[in-house]
Protein backbone atom coordinates (compact mmCIF):
# COMPACT_ATOMS: atom_id res chain seq x y z
CA MET A 1 23.23 11.75 12.52
CA SER A 2 22.73 14.57 15.09
CA ALA A 3 20.15 14.44 17.70
CA ARG A 4 18.36 17.49 16.42
CA ARG A 5 18.35 15.99 12.76
CA PHE A 6 17.04 12.74 14.16
CA PHE A 7 14.39 14.56 16.17
CA ASP A 8 13.29 16.57 13.05
CA HIS A 9 12.94 13.26 11.04
CA VAL A 10 10.81 11.70 13.74
CA ILE A 11 8.57 14.72 13.80
CA LEU A 12 8.15 14.73 10.15
CA LEU A 13 7.29 11.11 9.80
CA THR A 14 5.05 11.21 12.94
CA GLY A 15 3.26 14.43 11.61
CA GLY A 16 2.75 12.77 8.21
CA THR A 17 1.27 9.64 9.78
CA ALA A 18 -0.88 11.60 12.22
CA PHE A 19 -2.26 13.86 9.49
CA ALA A 20 -3.09 10.89 7.33
CA GLN A 21 -5.00 9.26 10.39
CA PHE A 22 -6.65 12.52 10.97
CA VAL A 23 -7.96 12.58 7.35
CA LEU A 24 -9.35 9.02 7.83
CA LEU A 25 -10.98 10.14 11.18
CA LEU A 26 -12.76 13.00 9.48
CA ALA A 27 -13.96 10.72 6.71
CA ALA A 28 -15.21 7.92 9.04
CA PRO A 29 -18.66 9.55 9.63
CA VAL A 30 -19.12 9.67 5.89
CA LEU A 31 -17.99 6.14 5.27
CA THR A 32 -20.05 4.66 8.03
CA ARG A 33 -23.22 6.14 6.34
CA ILE A 34 -22.29 4.59 2.96
CA TYR A 35 -21.21 1.22 4.03
CA THR A 36 -22.64 -1.46 6.33
CA PRO A 37 -20.90 -3.27 9.26
CA SER A 38 -20.63 -6.33 6.98
CA ASP A 39 -18.86 -4.32 4.35
CA PHE A 40 -16.27 -3.14 6.90
CA GLY A 41 -16.14 -6.81 8.01
CA VAL A 42 -15.00 -7.87 4.49
CA ARG A 43 -12.52 -5.12 4.34
CA SER A 44 -11.02 -6.22 7.65
CA VAL A 45 -10.52 -9.76 6.40
CA PHE A 46 -9.04 -8.35 3.24
CA VAL A 47 -6.55 -6.11 5.00
CA SER A 48 -5.61 -8.93 7.45
CA ILE A 49 -4.79 -11.34 4.55
CA LEU A 50 -2.92 -8.54 2.84
CA THR A 51 -0.89 -7.63 5.84
CA VAL A 52 0.33 -11.27 6.13
CA LEU A 53 1.16 -11.37 2.36
CA VAL A 54 2.87 -7.89 2.18
CA ALA A 55 5.39 -8.99 4.70
CA GLY A 56 7.06 -11.41 2.34
CA VAL A 57 6.03 -10.06 -1.09
CA THR A 58 9.53 -8.59 -1.73
CA GLY A 59 11.08 -11.85 -0.70
CA ARG A 60 12.56 -9.89 2.32
CA TYR A 61 15.07 -8.36 -0.10
CA HIS A 62 14.01 -4.92 0.99
CA MET A 63 15.70 -5.44 4.31
CA ALA A 64 19.08 -5.32 2.47
CA ILE A 65 18.56 -1.75 1.02
CA MET A 66 19.56 -0.21 4.35
CA LEU A 67 22.66 -2.27 4.69
CA GLU A 68 24.23 -1.99 1.22
CA LYS A 69 27.13 0.45 0.99
CA ASN A 70 27.29 0.79 -2.82
CA GLU A 71 24.56 3.11 -4.23
CA GLU A 72 24.59 1.29 -7.57
CA ASP A 73 23.92 -2.00 -5.80
CA VAL A 74 21.07 -0.24 -3.81
CA VAL A 75 19.49 0.65 -7.17
CA GLN A 76 19.80 -2.89 -8.32
CA LEU A 77 18.25 -4.18 -4.94
CA VAL A 78 15.22 -1.81 -5.50
CA ALA A 79 14.82 -3.20 -9.05
CA VAL A 80 15.17 -6.80 -7.78
CA CYS A 81 12.60 -6.06 -4.94
CA SER A 82 10.25 -4.59 -7.60
CA LEU A 83 10.49 -7.56 -9.88
CA VAL A 84 9.94 -10.00 -6.99
CA THR A 85 6.87 -8.03 -5.78
CA LEU A 86 5.54 -7.99 -9.43
CA ALA A 87 6.09 -11.77 -9.64
CA SER A 88 4.68 -12.40 -6.18
CA SER A 89 1.64 -10.31 -7.07
CA GLY A 90 1.21 -12.26 -10.35
CA VAL A 91 1.37 -15.54 -8.34
CA ALA A 92 -1.25 -14.20 -6.08
CA GLY A 93 -3.38 -13.24 -8.97
CA LEU A 94 -2.95 -16.75 -10.40
CA GLY A 95 -3.88 -18.24 -7.09
CA TRP A 96 -7.12 -16.17 -7.13
CA TRP A 97 -7.87 -17.23 -10.53
CA LEU A 98 -7.47 -20.97 -9.75
CA ALA A 99 -9.53 -20.47 -6.66
CA THR A 100 -12.48 -19.11 -8.63
CA GLY A 101 -13.08 -22.66 -9.82
CA ASP A 102 -14.33 -23.39 -6.28
CA PRO A 103 -16.83 -20.63 -5.42
CA GLU A 104 -17.54 -22.16 -1.98
CA LEU A 105 -13.93 -21.21 -0.93
CA PHE A 106 -15.10 -17.49 -1.05
CA GLY A 107 -18.60 -18.09 0.38
CA SER A 108 -20.19 -16.12 -2.48
CA HIS A 109 -19.59 -14.97 -5.97
CA ALA A 110 -19.33 -11.36 -4.77
CA SER A 111 -16.58 -12.13 -2.35
CA MET A 112 -14.73 -13.92 -5.15
CA VAL A 113 -14.91 -10.69 -7.19
CA TYR A 114 -13.82 -8.47 -4.36
CA PHE A 115 -10.65 -10.50 -3.63
CA ALA A 116 -9.56 -9.97 -7.26
CA LEU A 117 -8.10 -6.64 -5.92
CA LEU A 118 -5.75 -8.53 -3.57
CA PRO A 119 -2.98 -8.79 -6.05
CA VAL A 120 -3.29 -5.03 -6.98
CA SER A 121 -3.05 -3.98 -3.24
CA LEU A 122 -0.17 -6.52 -2.81
CA LEU A 123 1.80 -4.82 -5.69
CA GLY A 124 1.20 -1.36 -4.30
CA GLY A 125 2.12 -2.50 -0.82
CA GLY A 126 5.23 -4.25 -1.86
CA ILE A 127 6.53 -1.30 -3.90
CA TYR A 128 5.83 1.18 -1.10
CA LEU A 129 7.65 -1.14 1.31
CA THR A 130 10.68 -1.27 -0.96
CA LEU A 131 10.81 2.42 -1.86
CA SER A 132 10.22 3.55 1.83
CA GLN A 133 13.35 1.64 2.78
CA TRP A 134 15.21 3.54 -0.04
CA ALA A 135 13.70 6.77 1.11
CA ILE A 136 14.85 6.31 4.78
CA ARG A 137 18.34 5.32 3.58
CA ASN A 138 18.51 8.55 1.49
CA ASP A 139 16.99 10.84 4.16
CA ARG A 140 14.01 11.48 1.96
CA TYR A 141 11.65 11.83 4.92
CA TRP A 142 9.61 14.69 3.40
CA GLU A 143 8.69 12.50 0.40
CA LEU A 144 8.03 9.61 2.87
CA ALA A 145 5.65 11.95 4.83
CA LYS A 146 3.92 12.99 1.53
CA ALA A 147 3.49 9.30 0.59
CA LYS A 148 1.87 8.59 3.95
CA VAL A 149 -0.45 11.50 3.32
CA ALA A 150 -1.26 10.54 -0.22
CA GLN A 151 -2.45 7.07 0.70
CA PRO A 152 -5.72 8.15 2.56
CA ALA A 153 -6.21 11.12 0.37
CA ALA A 154 -6.25 8.79 -2.76
CA GLN A 155 -8.21 6.09 -1.25
CA LEU A 156 -11.26 8.12 -0.08
CA ALA A 157 -12.33 9.29 -3.50
CA PRO A 158 -13.04 5.81 -4.79
CA GLN A 159 -14.41 4.70 -1.44
CA VAL A 160 -17.02 7.46 -1.44
CA ILE A 161 -17.87 7.50 -5.29
CA VAL A 162 -17.86 3.75 -5.78
CA GLY A 163 -19.72 3.24 -2.44
CA LEU A 164 -22.45 5.57 -3.54
CA ALA A 165 -22.88 3.93 -6.97
CA PHE A 166 -22.43 0.20 -5.99
CA PRO A 167 -23.60 -1.15 -2.60
CA GLY A 168 -21.21 -3.48 -0.96
CA PRO A 169 -17.58 -3.32 0.12
CA LEU A 170 -16.17 -3.00 -3.47
CA GLY A 171 -15.36 0.71 -2.88
CA LEU A 172 -13.61 0.05 0.38
CA LEU A 173 -11.34 -2.54 -1.22
CA LEU A 174 -10.84 -0.48 -4.47
CA GLY A 175 -9.97 2.56 -2.29
CA ASP A 176 -7.28 0.53 -0.39
CA ALA A 177 -5.66 -0.64 -3.66
CA VAL A 178 -5.70 2.99 -5.06
CA GLY A 179 -4.28 4.27 -1.89
CA ARG A 180 -1.41 1.86 -1.74
CA LEU A 181 -0.50 2.42 -5.39
CA SER A 182 -0.66 6.20 -4.95
CA SER A 183 1.82 6.24 -2.02
CA ALA A 184 4.13 3.92 -4.15
CA LEU A 185 3.79 6.32 -6.98
CA VAL A 186 4.84 9.31 -4.92
CA LEU A 187 8.01 7.63 -3.71
CA GLY A 188 8.78 6.24 -7.18
CA ARG A 189 8.71 9.75 -8.60
CA CYS A 190 11.17 10.81 -5.90
CA LEU A 191 13.42 7.85 -6.94
CA ALA A 192 13.20 8.83 -10.61
CA ARG A 193 14.10 12.52 -9.84
CA GLN A 194 17.08 11.55 -7.95
CA ARG A 195 18.40 9.13 -10.69
CA SER A 196 17.95 11.94 -13.16
CA LEU A 197 20.22 14.30 -11.19
């Protein structure tokens, strides 16, 4: 890869990430008037748990996508990562369901309901992690930048609408799940287009 091409890719990804952060920054005054500090606290705990789980949700198979030379094997790796992610999210959902038998584990019934969104966010995060590796491998930096912008754009609508309708952190967590799924969908459509060519 030439130095100029590498620089263009860095600028594109940095620009997409910066624009996504700028959108969240603009929305912060609105969200802080809808949600309480305790709501943001619940979201912080949720995202912290999610960050730990996403790191292993693909079984770390996504790391091999960049290393594999055969393109057909790469497609199979993407499929394996997606299936492992689906299974891991299902296990997380089962764990949540079993944990509902002990309400004290969550501290309250409301918190128990909020964490039902964890498997959904985990699924979106794992699929995005897999497809982002595929996008980098195939120089699909424009699609990756669009996916980075799609996440905050998609998460803000439910955060505002649900936050106004239902007090509590539900809107924040639902927006996180929708945002992660939306970014994965953007990259998924890119993969589907390439396979159809």
